[in-house]
Amino acid sequence: MLKITIHDSIGELWFELEGKLSGPWVGELRQCWRTGASTTKGRRTVADLREVDFVDSDGQALLAEMHHQGVRLVSGTPLIQAVIDEACATRGCGTVEEQPARHDASISPTRSQHDQRAV
């Protein structure tokens, strides 16, 4: 199972993922990303994988596609960072972050101004 929470603000579109990026959940994320991407209009898009514990080959392919379309990939562990690097065929194509990066006041409005949706 994969939980997808979308944080939509003036500065960025943030996909917060929790669980396993595999099976039918890959298609669900693809649909959410494509729908959201149609509204970004120059805003930064981020896929937060810090709470993801498994990615299958279809999930890796989607991450590679997202990265090549300019989505910033954020991992929380060396394991998921290695999965991202393998998916993108590029070392360091994502970043490992322990602390939340999306609540930078210079980029995002306050939490009350976010449009948050869980899928």
PDB file of N, CA and C in Angstrom:
ATOM      1  N   MET A   1       0.832  -1.176   0.000  1.00  0.00           N
ATOM      2  CA  MET A   1       0.000   0.000   0.000  1.00  0.00           C
ATOM      3  C   MET A   1       0.874   1.235   0.000  1.00  0.00           C
ATOM      4  N   LEU A   2       0.381   2.278  -0.654  1.00  0.00           N
ATOM      5  CA  LEU A   2       1.078   3.553  -0.723  1.00  0.00           C
ATOM      6  C   LEU A   2       0.103   4.665  -0.377  1.00  0.00           C
ATOM      7  N   LYS A   3       0.505   5.511   0.557  1.00  0.00           N
ATOM      8  CA  LYS A   3      -0.278   6.698   0.884  1.00  0.00           C
ATOM      9  C   LYS A   3       0.374   7.875   0.171  1.00  0.00           C
ATOM     10  N   ILE A   4      -0.436   8.621  -0.552  1.00  0.00           N
ATOM     11  CA  ILE A   4       0.042   9.799  -1.281  1.00  0.00           C
ATOM     12  C   ILE A   4      -0.671  11.017  -0.706  1.00  0.00           C
ATOM     13  N   THR A   5       0.106  11.925  -0.145  1.00  0.00           N
ATOM     14  CA  THR A   5      -0.450  13.185   0.341  1.00  0.00           C
ATOM     15  C   THR A   5       0.119  14.284  -0.529  1.00  0.00           C
ATOM     16  N   ILE A   6      -0.754  15.123  -1.039  1.00  0.00           N
ATOM     17  CA  ILE A   6      -0.331  16.196  -1.935  1.00  0.00           C
ATOM     18  C   ILE A   6      -0.402  17.522  -1.188  1.00  0.00           C
ATOM     19  N   HIS A   7       0.730  18.219  -1.176  1.00  0.00           N
ATOM     20  CA  HIS A   7       0.797  19.556  -0.591  1.00  0.00           C
ATOM     21  C   HIS A   7       0.961  20.519  -1.769  1.00  0.00           C
ATOM     22  N   ASP A   8      -0.018  21.350  -1.975  1.00  0.00           N
ATOM     23  CA  ASP A   8      -0.032  22.258  -3.113  1.00  0.00           C
ATOM     24  C   ASP A   8       0.033  23.683  -2.590  1.00  0.00           C
ATOM     25  N   SER A   9       1.132  24.379  -2.885  1.00  0.00           N
ATOM     26  CA  SER A   9       1.289  25.749  -2.405  1.00  0.00           C
ATOM     27  C   SER A   9       1.699  26.653  -3.560  1.00  0.00           C
ATOM     28  N   ILE A  10       1.882  27.911  -3.264  1.00  0.00           N
ATOM     29  CA  ILE A  10       2.264  28.890  -4.269  1.00  0.00           C
ATOM     30  C   ILE A  10       3.622  28.541  -4.883  1.00  0.00           C
ATOM     31  N   GLY A  11       4.547  28.027  -4.058  1.00  0.00           N
ATOM     32  CA  GLY A  11       5.910  27.795  -4.518  1.00  0.00           C
ATOM     33  C   GLY A  11       6.213  26.406  -5.029  1.00  0.00           C
ATOM     34  N   GLU A  12       5.394  25.406  -4.642  1.00  0.00           N
ATOM     35  CA  GLU A  12       5.735  24.042  -5.022  1.00  0.00           C
ATOM     36  C   GLU A  12       4.552  23.094  -4.923  1.00  0.00           C
ATOM     37  N   LEU A  13       4.704  21.996  -5.650  1.00  0.00           N
ATOM     38  CA  LEU A  13       3.767  20.876  -5.564  1.00  0.00           C
ATOM     39  C   LEU A  13       4.566  19.733  -4.965  1.00  0.00           C
ATOM     40  N   TRP A  14       4.145  19.241  -3.809  1.00  0.00           N
ATOM     41  CA  TRP A  14       4.916  18.278  -3.023  1.00  0.00           C
ATOM     42  C   TRP A  14       4.105  17.000  -2.861  1.00  0.00           C
ATOM     43  N   PHE A  15       4.665  15.875  -3.317  1.00  0.00           N
ATOM     44  CA  PHE A  15       4.044  14.567  -3.138  1.00  0.00           C
ATOM     45  C   PHE A  15       4.739  13.859  -1.993  1.00  0.00           C
ATOM     46  N   GLU A  16       4.037  13.677  -0.904  1.00  0.00           N
ATOM     47  CA  GLU A  16       4.575  12.983   0.259  1.00  0.00           C
ATOM     48  C   GLU A  16       4.107  11.523   0.184  1.00  0.00           C
ATOM     49  N   LEU A  17       5.056  10.602   0.049  1.00  0.00           N
ATOM     50  CA  LEU A  17       4.747   9.190  -0.153  1.00  0.00           C
ATOM     51  C   LEU A  17       5.109   8.379   1.080  1.00  0.00           C
ATOM     52  N   GLU A  18       4.234   7.434   1.424  1.00  0.00           N
ATOM     53  CA  GLU A  18       4.473   6.562   2.570  1.00  0.00           C
ATOM     54  C   GLU A  18       4.080   5.138   2.207  1.00  0.00           C
ATOM     55  N   GLY A  19       5.012   4.193   2.402  1.00  0.00           N
ATOM     56  CA  GLY A  19       4.708   2.789   2.153  1.00  0.00           C
ATOM     57  C   GLY A  19       5.512   2.223   1.010  1.00  0.00           C
ATOM     58  N   LYS A  20       4.840   1.437   0.172  1.00  0.00           N
ATOM     59  CA  LYS A  20       5.499   0.721  -0.922  1.00  0.00           C
ATOM     60  C   LYS A  20       5.080   1.289  -2.276  1.00  0.00           C
ATOM     61  N   LEU A  21       6.073   1.667  -3.068  1.00  0.00           N
ATOM     62  CA  LEU A  21       5.821   2.158  -4.423  1.00  0.00           C
ATOM     63  C   LEU A  21       5.943   0.954  -5.349  1.00  0.00           C
ATOM     64  N   SER A  22       4.834   0.234  -5.485  1.00  0.00           N
ATOM     65  CA  SER A  22       4.843  -1.004  -6.266  1.00  0.00           C
ATOM     66  C   SER A  22       3.433  -1.323  -6.748  1.00  0.00           C
ATOM     67  N   GLY A  23       3.373  -2.236  -7.712  1.00  0.00           N
ATOM     68  CA  GLY A  23       2.083  -2.718  -8.206  1.00  0.00           C
ATOM     69  C   GLY A  23       1.177  -1.599  -8.668  1.00  0.00           C
ATOM     70  N   PRO A  24      -0.108  -1.687  -8.295  1.00  0.00           N
ATOM     71  CA  PRO A  24      -1.084  -0.691  -8.765  1.00  0.00           C
ATOM     72  C   PRO A  24      -0.822   0.717  -8.222  1.00  0.00           C
ATOM     73  N   TRP A  25      -0.023   0.824  -7.168  1.00  0.00           N
ATOM     74  CA  TRP A  25       0.248   2.130  -6.573  1.00  0.00           C
ATOM     75  C   TRP A  25       1.150   2.975  -7.459  1.00  0.00           C
ATOM     76  N   VAL A  26       1.921   2.325  -8.326  1.00  0.00           N
ATOM     77  CA  VAL A  26       2.752   3.061  -9.281  1.00  0.00           C
ATOM     78  C   VAL A  26       1.843   3.843 -10.235  1.00  0.00           C
ATOM     79  N   GLY A  27       0.822   3.192 -10.744  1.00  0.00           N
ATOM     80  CA  GLY A  27      -0.132   3.861 -11.633  1.00  0.00           C
ATOM     81  C   GLY A  27      -0.873   4.980 -10.936  1.00  0.00           C
ATOM     82  N   GLU A  28      -1.192   4.775  -9.676  1.00  0.00           N
ATOM     83  CA  GLU A  28      -1.886   5.806  -8.896  1.00  0.00           C
ATOM     84  C   GLU A  28      -1.008   7.047  -8.749  1.00  0.00           C
ATOM     85  N   LEU A  29       0.279   6.833  -8.424  1.00  0.00           N
ATOM     86  CA  LEU A  29       1.190   7.974  -8.312  1.00  0.00           C
ATOM     87  C   LEU A  29       1.360   8.650  -9.665  1.00  0.00           C
ATOM     88  N   ARG A  30       1.483   7.865 -10.738  1.00  0.00           N
ATOM     89  CA  ARG A  30       1.633   8.440 -12.079  1.00  0.00           C
ATOM     90  C   ARG A  30       0.440   9.354 -12.390  1.00  0.00           C
ATOM     91  N   GLN A  31      -0.755   8.880 -12.109  1.00  0.00           N
ATOM     92  CA  GLN A  31      -1.956   9.673 -12.381  1.00  0.00           C
ATOM     93  C   GLN A  31      -1.965  10.949 -11.540  1.00  0.00           C
ATOM     94  N   CYS A  32      -1.630  10.842 -10.256  1.00  0.00           N
ATOM     95  CA  CYS A  32      -1.592  12.030  -9.390  1.00  0.00           C
ATOM     96  C   CYS A  32      -0.558  13.034  -9.883  1.00  0.00           C
ATOM     97  N   TRP A  33       0.611  12.530 -10.257  1.00  0.00           N
ATOM     98  CA  TRP A  33       1.689  13.399 -10.725  1.00  0.00           C
ATOM     99  C   TRP A  33       1.305  14.100 -12.024  1.00  0.00           C
ATOM    100  N   ARG A  34       0.780  13.361 -12.985  1.00  0.00           N
ATOM    101  CA  ARG A  34       0.414  13.968 -14.267  1.00  0.00           C
ATOM    102  C   ARG A  34      -0.703  14.990 -14.107  1.00  0.00           C
ATOM    103  N   THR A  35      -1.670  14.676 -13.253  1.00  0.00           N
ATOM    104  CA  THR A  35      -2.751  15.630 -13.002  1.00  0.00           C
ATOM    105  C   THR A  35      -2.200  16.877 -12.327  1.00  0.00           C
ATOM    106  N   GLY A  36      -1.375  16.681 -11.316  1.00  0.00           N
ATOM    107  CA  GLY A  36      -0.783  17.815 -10.609  1.00  0.00           C
ATOM    108  C   GLY A  36       0.156  18.616 -11.475  1.00  0.00           C
ATOM    109  N   ALA A  37       0.931  17.934 -12.316  1.00  0.00           N
ATOM    110  CA  ALA A  37       1.908  18.611 -13.169  1.00  0.00           C
ATOM    111  C   ALA A  37       1.237  19.558 -14.150  1.00  0.00           C
ATOM    112  N   SER A  38       0.001  19.278 -14.493  1.00  0.00           N
ATOM    113  CA  SER A  38      -0.701  20.155 -15.435  1.00  0.00           C
ATOM    114  C   SER A  38      -1.031  21.509 -14.807  1.00  0.00           C
ATOM    115  N   THR A  39      -0.854  21.634 -13.497  1.00  0.00           N
ATOM    116  CA  THR A  39      -1.184  22.883 -12.807  1.00  0.00           C
ATOM    117  C   THR A  39       0.030  23.590 -12.218  1.00  0.00           C
ATOM    118  N   THR A  40       1.239  23.067 -12.423  1.00  0.00           N
ATOM    119  CA  THR A  40       2.408  23.628 -11.734  1.00  0.00           C
ATOM    120  C   THR A  40       2.855  24.982 -12.267  1.00  0.00           C
ATOM    121  N   LYS A  41       2.791  25.218 -13.549  1.00  0.00           N
ATOM    122  CA  LYS A  41       3.121  26.523 -14.150  1.00  0.00           C
ATOM    123  C   LYS A  41       4.406  27.127 -13.593  1.00  0.00           C
ATOM    124  N   GLY A  42       5.500  26.382 -13.682  1.00  0.00           N
ATOM    125  CA  GLY A  42       6.794  26.892 -13.244  1.00  0.00           C
ATOM    126  C   GLY A  42       7.140  26.637 -11.791  1.00  0.00           C
ATOM    127  N   ARG A  43       6.215  26.124 -11.027  1.00  0.00           N
ATOM    128  CA  ARG A  43       6.519  25.818  -9.626  1.00  0.00           C
ATOM    129  C   ARG A  43       7.375  24.557  -9.540  1.00  0.00           C
ATOM    130  N   ARG A  44       8.120  24.445  -8.487  1.00  0.00           N
ATOM    131  CA  ARG A  44       8.938  23.260  -8.243  1.00  0.00           C
ATOM    132  C   ARG A  44       8.031  22.095  -7.858  1.00  0.00           C
ATOM    133  N   THR A  45       8.374  20.893  -8.344  1.00  0.00           N
ATOM    134  CA  THR A  45       7.659  19.670  -7.975  1.00  0.00           C
ATOM    135  C   THR A  45       8.632  18.757  -7.248  1.00  0.00           C
ATOM    136  N   VAL A  46       8.186  18.206  -6.118  1.00  0.00           N
ATOM    137  CA  VAL A  46       9.034  17.366  -5.284  1.00  0.00           C
ATOM    138  C   VAL A  46       8.309  16.073  -4.964  1.00  0.00           C
ATOM    139  N   ALA A  47       9.034  14.955  -5.047  1.00  0.00           N
ATOM    140  CA  ALA A  47       8.516  13.661  -4.586  1.00  0.00           C
ATOM    141  C   ALA A  47       9.308  13.289  -3.339  1.00  0.00           C
ATOM    142  N   ASP A  48       8.637  13.278  -2.211  1.00  0.00           N
ATOM    143  CA  ASP A  48       9.240  12.984  -0.913  1.00  0.00           C
ATOM    144  C   ASP A  48       9.114  11.494  -0.641  1.00  0.00           C
ATOM    145  N   LEU A  49      10.223  10.776  -0.719  1.00  0.00           N
ATOM    146  CA  LEU A  49      10.260   9.322  -0.537  1.00  0.00           C
ATOM    147  C   LEU A  49      10.819   8.931   0.832  1.00  0.00           C
ATOM    148  N   ARG A  50      10.854   9.865   1.777  1.00  0.00           N
ATOM    149  CA  ARG A  50      11.469   9.576   3.079  1.00  0.00           C
ATOM    150  C   ARG A  50      10.742   8.506   3.868  1.00  0.00           C
ATOM    151  N   GLU A  51       9.469   8.273   3.576  1.00  0.00           N
ATOM    152  CA  GLU A  51       8.711   7.237   4.289  1.00  0.00           C
ATOM    153  C   GLU A  51       8.414   6.031   3.401  1.00  0.00           C
ATOM    154  N   VAL A  52       9.104   5.923   2.275  1.00  0.00           N
ATOM    155  CA  VAL A  52       8.946   4.776   1.373  1.00  0.00           C
ATOM    156  C   VAL A  52       9.948   3.706   1.781  1.00  0.00           C
ATOM    157  N   ASP A  53       9.474   2.454   1.876  1.00  0.00           N
ATOM    158  CA  ASP A  53      10.371   1.379   2.289  1.00  0.00           C
ATOM    159  C   ASP A  53      10.599   0.324   1.209  1.00  0.00           C
ATOM    160  N   PHE A  54       9.949   0.470   0.041  1.00  0.00           N
ATOM    161  CA  PHE A  54      10.146  -0.486  -1.045  1.00  0.00           C
ATOM    162  C   PHE A  54       9.735   0.160  -2.356  1.00  0.00           C
ATOM    163  N   VAL A  55      10.530  -0.102  -3.402  1.00  0.00           N
ATOM    164  CA  VAL A  55      10.214   0.384  -4.750  1.00  0.00           C
ATOM    165  C   VAL A  55      10.467  -0.767  -5.713  1.00  0.00           C
ATOM    166  N   ASP A  56       9.443  -1.163  -6.494  1.00  0.00           N
ATOM    167  CA  ASP A  56       9.641  -2.235  -7.474  1.00  0.00           C
ATOM    168  C   ASP A  56      10.162  -1.638  -8.786  1.00  0.00           C
ATOM    169  N   SER A  57      10.365  -2.482  -9.801  1.00  0.00           N
ATOM    170  CA  SER A  57      10.949  -2.012 -11.061  1.00  0.00           C
ATOM    171  C   SER A  57      10.047  -1.002 -11.767  1.00  0.00           C
ATOM    172  N   ASP A  58       8.731  -1.178 -11.704  1.00  0.00           N
ATOM    173  CA  ASP A  58       7.823  -0.191 -12.305  1.00  0.00           C
ATOM    174  C   ASP A  58       7.911   1.139 -11.559  1.00  0.00           C
ATOM    175  N   GLY A  59       8.047   1.072 -10.243  1.00  0.00           N
ATOM    176  CA  GLY A  59       8.215   2.283  -9.445  1.00  0.00           C
ATOM    177  C   GLY A  59       9.508   2.997  -9.789  1.00  0.00           C
ATOM    178  N   GLN A  60      10.577   2.213 -10.006  1.00  0.00           N
ATOM    179  CA  GLN A  60      11.853   2.813 -10.406  1.00  0.00           C
ATOM    180  C   GLN A  60      11.725   3.514 -11.753  1.00  0.00           C
ATOM    181  N   ALA A  61      11.018   2.885 -12.680  1.00  0.00           N
ATOM    182  CA  ALA A  61      10.831   3.497 -13.999  1.00  0.00           C
ATOM    183  C   ALA A  61      10.063   4.818 -13.881  1.00  0.00           C
ATOM    184  N   LEU A  62       9.050   4.845 -13.028  1.00  0.00           N
ATOM    185  CA  LEU A  62       8.292   6.079 -12.826  1.00  0.00           C
ATOM    186  C   LEU A  62       9.169   7.153 -12.196  1.00  0.00           C
ATOM    187  N   LEU A  63       9.972   6.790 -11.212  1.00  0.00           N
ATOM    188  CA  LEU A  63      10.869   7.766 -10.587  1.00  0.00           C
ATOM    189  C   LEU A  63      11.844   8.339 -11.610  1.00  0.00           C
ATOM    190  N   ALA A  64      12.359   7.485 -12.495  1.00  0.00           N
ATOM    191  CA  ALA A  64      13.258   7.963 -13.547  1.00  0.00           C
ATOM    192  C   ALA A  64      12.539   8.945 -14.463  1.00  0.00           C
ATOM    193  N   GLU A  65      11.312   8.618 -14.838  1.00  0.00           N
ATOM    194  CA  GLU A  65      10.518   9.508 -15.693  1.00  0.00           C
ATOM    195  C   GLU A  65      10.268  10.844 -14.995  1.00  0.00           C
ATOM    196  N   MET A  66       9.908  10.774 -13.723  1.00  0.00           N
ATOM    197  CA  MET A  66       9.650  11.997 -12.966  1.00  0.00           C
ATOM    198  C   MET A  66      10.917  12.850 -12.884  1.00  0.00           C
ATOM    199  N   HIS A  67      12.035  12.212 -12.573  1.00  0.00           N
ATOM    200  CA  HIS A  67      13.311  12.940 -12.470  1.00  0.00           C
ATOM    201  C   HIS A  67      13.654  13.615 -13.798  1.00  0.00           C
ATOM    202  N   HIS A  68      13.490  12.908 -14.896  1.00  0.00           N
ATOM    203  CA  HIS A  68      13.818  13.459 -16.211  1.00  0.00           C
ATOM    204  C   HIS A  68      12.872  14.602 -16.596  1.00  0.00           C
ATOM    205  N   GLN A  69      11.700  14.666 -15.958  1.00  0.00           N
ATOM    206  CA  GLN A  69      10.761  15.765 -16.199  1.00  0.00           C
ATOM    207  C   GLN A  69      10.950  16.900 -15.190  1.00  0.00           C
ATOM    208  N   GLY A  70      12.020  16.822 -14.387  1.00  0.00           N
ATOM    209  CA  GLY A  70      12.356  17.923 -13.488  1.00  0.00           C
ATOM    210  C   GLY A  70      11.871  17.788 -12.058  1.00  0.00           C
ATOM    211  N   VAL A  71      11.288  16.652 -11.702  1.00  0.00           N
ATOM    212  CA  VAL A  71      10.820  16.455 -10.323  1.00  0.00           C
ATOM    213  C   VAL A  71      12.023  16.195  -9.424  1.00  0.00           C
ATOM    214  N   ARG A  72      12.081  16.885  -8.314  1.00  0.00           N
ATOM    215  CA  ARG A  72      13.137  16.676  -7.318  1.00  0.00           C
ATOM    216  C   ARG A  72      12.747  15.479  -6.472  1.00  0.00           C
ATOM    217  N   LEU A  73      13.649  14.497  -6.349  1.00  0.00           N
ATOM    218  CA  LEU A  73      13.393  13.288  -5.571  1.00  0.00           C
ATOM    219  C   LEU A  73      14.148  13.379  -4.258  1.00  0.00           C
ATOM    220  N   VAL A  74      13.432  13.187  -3.141  1.00  0.00           N
ATOM    221  CA  VAL A  74      14.028  13.291  -1.820  1.00  0.00           C
ATOM    222  C   VAL A  74      13.871  11.952  -1.110  1.00  0.00           C
ATOM    223  N   SER A  75      14.988  11.391  -0.644  1.00  0.00           N
ATOM    224  CA  SER A  75      14.934  10.133   0.106  1.00  0.00           C
ATOM    225  C   SER A  75      15.371  10.387   1.541  1.00  0.00           C
ATOM    226  N   GLY A  76      15.113   9.411   2.384  1.00  0.00           N
ATOM    227  CA  GLY A  76      15.496   9.545   3.788  1.00  0.00           C
ATOM    228  C   GLY A  76      16.512   8.523   4.226  1.00  0.00           C
ATOM    229  N   THR A  77      16.781   7.540   3.374  1.00  0.00           N
ATOM    230  CA  THR A  77      17.719   6.483   3.742  1.00  0.00           C
ATOM    231  C   THR A  77      18.674   6.203   2.582  1.00  0.00           C
ATOM    232  N   PRO A  78      19.841   5.687   2.896  1.00  0.00           N
ATOM    233  CA  PRO A  78      20.767   5.304   1.825  1.00  0.00           C
ATOM    234  C   PRO A  78      20.175   4.233   0.901  1.00  0.00           C
ATOM    235  N   LEU A  79      19.335   3.351   1.423  1.00  0.00           N
ATOM    236  CA  LEU A  79      18.723   2.310   0.597  1.00  0.00           C
ATOM    237  C   LEU A  79      17.835   2.915  -0.485  1.00  0.00           C
ATOM    238  N   ILE A  80      16.936   3.788  -0.101  1.00  0.00           N
ATOM    239  CA  ILE A  80      16.048   4.412  -1.085  1.00  0.00           C
ATOM    240  C   ILE A  80      16.844   5.339  -1.998  1.00  0.00           C
ATOM    241  N   GLN A  81      17.891   5.982  -1.471  1.00  0.00           N
ATOM    242  CA  GLN A  81      18.753   6.796  -2.333  1.00  0.00           C
ATOM    243  C   GLN A  81      19.405   5.922  -3.405  1.00  0.00           C
ATOM    244  N   ALA A  82      19.842   4.725  -3.040  1.00  0.00           N
ATOM    245  CA  ALA A  82      20.440   3.798  -4.015  1.00  0.00           C
ATOM    246  C   ALA A  82      19.408   3.377  -5.060  1.00  0.00           C
ATOM    247  N   VAL A  83      18.170   3.166  -4.637  1.00  0.00           N
ATOM    248  CA  VAL A  83      17.094   2.817  -5.574  1.00  0.00           C
ATOM    249  C   VAL A  83      16.878   3.969  -6.562  1.00  0.00           C
ATOM    250  N   ILE A  84      16.862   5.193  -6.057  1.00  0.00           N
ATOM    251  CA  ILE A  84      16.687   6.367  -6.914  1.00  0.00           C
ATOM    252  C   ILE A  84      17.854   6.478  -7.897  1.00  0.00           C
ATOM    253  N   ASP A  85      19.077   6.336  -7.391  1.00  0.00           N
ATOM    254  CA  ASP A  85      20.255   6.424  -8.253  1.00  0.00           C
ATOM    255  C   ASP A  85      20.213   5.374  -9.351  1.00  0.00           C
ATOM    256  N   GLU A  86      19.818   4.155  -8.995  1.00  0.00           N
ATOM    257  CA  GLU A  86      19.726   3.081  -9.986  1.00  0.00           C
ATOM    258  C   GLU A  86      18.630   3.387 -11.005  1.00  0.00           C
ATOM    259  N   ALA A  87      17.505   3.869 -10.524  1.00  0.00           N
ATOM    260  CA  ALA A  87      16.384   4.180 -11.422  1.00  0.00           C
ATOM    261  C   ALA A  87      16.774   5.248 -12.431  1.00  0.00           C
ATOM    262  N   CYS A  88      17.473   6.260 -11.977  1.00  0.00           N
ATOM    263  CA  CYS A  88      17.830   7.378 -12.838  1.00  0.00           C
ATOM    264  C   CYS A  88      19.123   7.127 -13.603  1.00  0.00           C
ATOM    265  N   ALA A  89      19.807   6.036 -13.273  1.00  0.00           N
ATOM    266  CA  ALA A  89      21.104   5.711 -13.884  1.00  0.00           C
ATOM    267  C   ALA A  89      22.107   6.843 -13.685  1.00  0.00           C
ATOM    268  N   THR A  90      21.929   7.577 -12.589  1.00  0.00           N
ATOM    269  CA  THR A  90      22.806   8.695 -12.267  1.00  0.00           C
ATOM    270  C   THR A  90      23.016   8.733 -10.765  1.00  0.00           C
ATOM    271  N   ARG A  91      24.242   8.721 -10.338  1.00  0.00           N
ATOM    272  CA  ARG A  91      24.527   8.836  -8.914  1.00  0.00           C
ATOM    273  C   ARG A  91      24.176  10.246  -8.441  1.00  0.00           C
ATOM    274  N   GLY A  92      23.444  10.321  -7.347  1.00  0.00           N
ATOM    275  CA  GLY A  92      23.104  11.608  -6.764  1.00  0.00           C
ATOM    276  C   GLY A  92      21.984  12.356  -7.460  1.00  0.00           C
ATOM    277  N   CYS A  93      21.113  11.645  -8.187  1.00  0.00           N
ATOM    278  CA  CYS A  93      20.019  12.359  -8.870  1.00  0.00           C
ATOM    279  C   CYS A  93      18.943  12.788  -7.879  1.00  0.00           C
ATOM    280  N   GLY A  94      18.936  12.208  -6.684  1.00  0.00           N
ATOM    281  CA  GLY A  94      18.030  12.625  -5.620  1.00  0.00           C
ATOM    282  C   GLY A  94      18.845  13.143  -4.457  1.00  0.00           C
ATOM    283  N   THR A  95      18.176  13.557  -3.408  1.00  0.00           N
ATOM    284  CA  THR A  95      18.879  14.010  -2.214  1.00  0.00           C
ATOM    285  C   THR A  95      18.390  13.236  -1.015  1.00  0.00           C
ATOM    286  N   VAL A  96      19.292  13.026  -0.046  1.00  0.00           N
ATOM    287  CA  VAL A  96      18.932  12.384   1.208  1.00  0.00           C
ATOM    288  C   VAL A  96      18.746  13.488   2.228  1.00  0.00           C
ATOM    289  N   GLU A  97      17.567  13.552   2.833  1.00  0.00           N
ATOM    290  CA  GLU A  97      17.271  14.580   3.824  1.00  0.00           C
ATOM    291  C   GLU A  97      16.589  13.949   5.018  1.00  0.00           C
ATOM    292  N   GLU A  98      17.063  14.297   6.200  1.00  0.00           N
ATOM    293  CA  GLU A  98      16.450  13.773   7.412  1.00  0.00           C
ATOM    294  C   GLU A  98      15.322  14.669   7.903  1.00  0.00           C
ATOM    295  N   GLN A  99      15.464  15.967   7.705  1.00  0.00           N
ATOM    296  CA  GLN A  99      14.463  16.920   8.171  1.00  0.00           C
ATOM    297  C   GLN A  99      13.574  17.341   7.015  1.00  0.00           C
ATOM    298  N   PRO A 100      12.319  17.643   7.294  1.00  0.00           N
ATOM    299  CA  PRO A 100      11.431  18.112   6.222  1.00  0.00           C
ATOM    300  C   PRO A 100      11.991  19.357   5.554  1.00  0.00           C
ATOM    301  N   ALA A 101      11.976  19.363   4.227  1.00  0.00           N
ATOM    302  CA  ALA A 101      12.487  20.504   3.473  1.00  0.00           C
ATOM    303  C   ALA A 101      11.365  21.374   2.942  1.00  0.00           C
ATOM    304  N   ARG A 102      10.140  20.878   2.915  1.00  0.00           N
ATOM    305  CA  ARG A 102       9.067  21.593   2.242  1.00  0.00           C
ATOM    306  C   ARG A 102       8.523  22.774   3.011  1.00  0.00           C
ATOM    307  N   HIS A 103       8.882  22.925   4.287  1.00  0.00           N
ATOM    308  CA  HIS A 103       8.312  24.013   5.070  1.00  0.00           C
ATOM    309  C   HIS A 103       9.269  25.185   5.200  1.00  0.00           C
ATOM    310  N   ASP A 104      10.123  25.365   4.207  1.00  0.00           N
ATOM    311  CA  ASP A 104      11.004  26.513   4.139  1.00  0.00           C
ATOM    312  C   ASP A 104      10.122  27.745   3.914  1.00  0.00           C
ATOM    313  N   ALA A 105      10.154  28.675   4.834  1.00  0.00           N
ATOM    314  CA  ALA A 105       9.260  29.837   4.777  1.00  0.00           C
ATOM    315  C   ALA A 105       9.471  30.675   3.524  1.00  0.00           C
ATOM    316  N   SER A 106      10.667  30.622   2.948  1.00  0.00           N
ATOM    317  CA  SER A 106      10.903  31.417   1.750  1.00  0.00           C
ATOM    318  C   SER A 106      10.280  30.784   0.511  1.00  0.00           C
ATOM    319  N   ILE A 107       9.903  29.499   0.610  1.00  0.00           N
ATOM    320  CA  ILE A 107       9.343  28.799  -0.541  1.00  0.00           C
ATOM    321  C   ILE A 107       7.854  28.537  -0.364  1.00  0.00           C
ATOM    322  N   SER A 108       7.477  28.067   0.803  1.00  0.00           N
ATOM    323  CA  SER A 108       6.101  27.640   1.018  1.00  0.00           C
ATOM    324  C   SER A 108       5.372  28.549   1.984  1.00  0.00           C
ATOM    325  N   PRO A 109       4.086  28.722   1.766  1.00  0.00           N
ATOM    326  CA  PRO A 109       3.280  29.466   2.735  1.00  0.00           C
ATOM    327  C   PRO A 109       3.068  28.621   3.982  1.00  0.00           C
ATOM    328  N   THR A 110       2.403  29.196   4.955  1.00  0.00           N
ATOM    329  CA  THR A 110       2.151  28.442   6.181  1.00  0.00           C
ATOM    330  C   THR A 110       1.280  27.237   5.905  1.00  0.00           C
ATOM    331  N   ARG A 111       1.294  26.288   6.810  1.00  0.00           N
ATOM    332  CA  ARG A 111       0.568  25.039   6.642  1.00  0.00           C
ATOM    333  C   ARG A 111      -0.921  25.288   6.402  1.00  0.00           C
ATOM    334  N   SER A 112      -1.483  26.299   7.010  1.00  0.00           N
ATOM    335  CA  SER A 112      -2.909  26.563   6.838  1.00  0.00           C
ATOM    336  C   SER A 112      -3.242  27.000   5.416  1.00  0.00           C
ATOM    337  N   GLN A 113      -2.245  27.468   4.663  1.00  0.00           N
ATOM    338  CA  GLN A 113      -2.486  27.903   3.307  1.00  0.00           C
ATOM    339  C   GLN A 113      -2.321  26.777   2.300  1.00  0.00           C
ATOM    340  N   HIS A 114      -1.870  25.587   2.738  1.00  0.00           N
ATOM    341  CA  HIS A 114      -1.674  24.451   1.839  1.00  0.00           C
ATOM    342  C   HIS A 114      -3.013  23.821   1.494  1.00  0.00           C
ATOM    343  N   ASP A 115      -3.114  23.382   0.266  1.00  0.00           N
ATOM    344  CA  ASP A 115      -4.220  22.540  -0.144  1.00  0.00           C
ATOM    345  C   ASP A 115      -3.703  21.127  -0.024  1.00  0.00           C
ATOM    346  N   GLN A 116      -4.122  20.384   1.009  1.00  0.00           N
ATOM    347  CA  GLN A 116      -3.611  19.050   1.240  1.00  0.00           C
ATOM    348  C   GLN A 116      -4.684  18.026   0.930  1.00  0.00           C
ATOM    349  N   ARG A 117      -4.286  17.043   0.141  1.00  0.00           N
ATOM    350  CA  ARG A 117      -5.205  15.982  -0.206  1.00  0.00           C
ATOM    351  C   ARG A 117      -4.495  14.653  -0.008  1.00  0.00           C
ATOM    352  N   ALA A 118      -5.158  13.715   0.598  1.00  0.00           N
ATOM    353  CA  ALA A 118      -4.608  12.368   0.719  1.00  0.00           C
ATOM    354  C   ALA A 118      -5.334  11.482  -0.283  1.00  0.00           C
ATOM    355  N   VAL A 119      -4.551  10.654  -0.957  1.00  0.00           N
ATOM    356  CA  VAL A 119      -5.115   9.759  -1.962  1.00  0.00           C
ATOM    357  C   VAL A 119      -5.075   8.356  -1.417  1.00  0.00           C
TER     358      VAL A 119
END
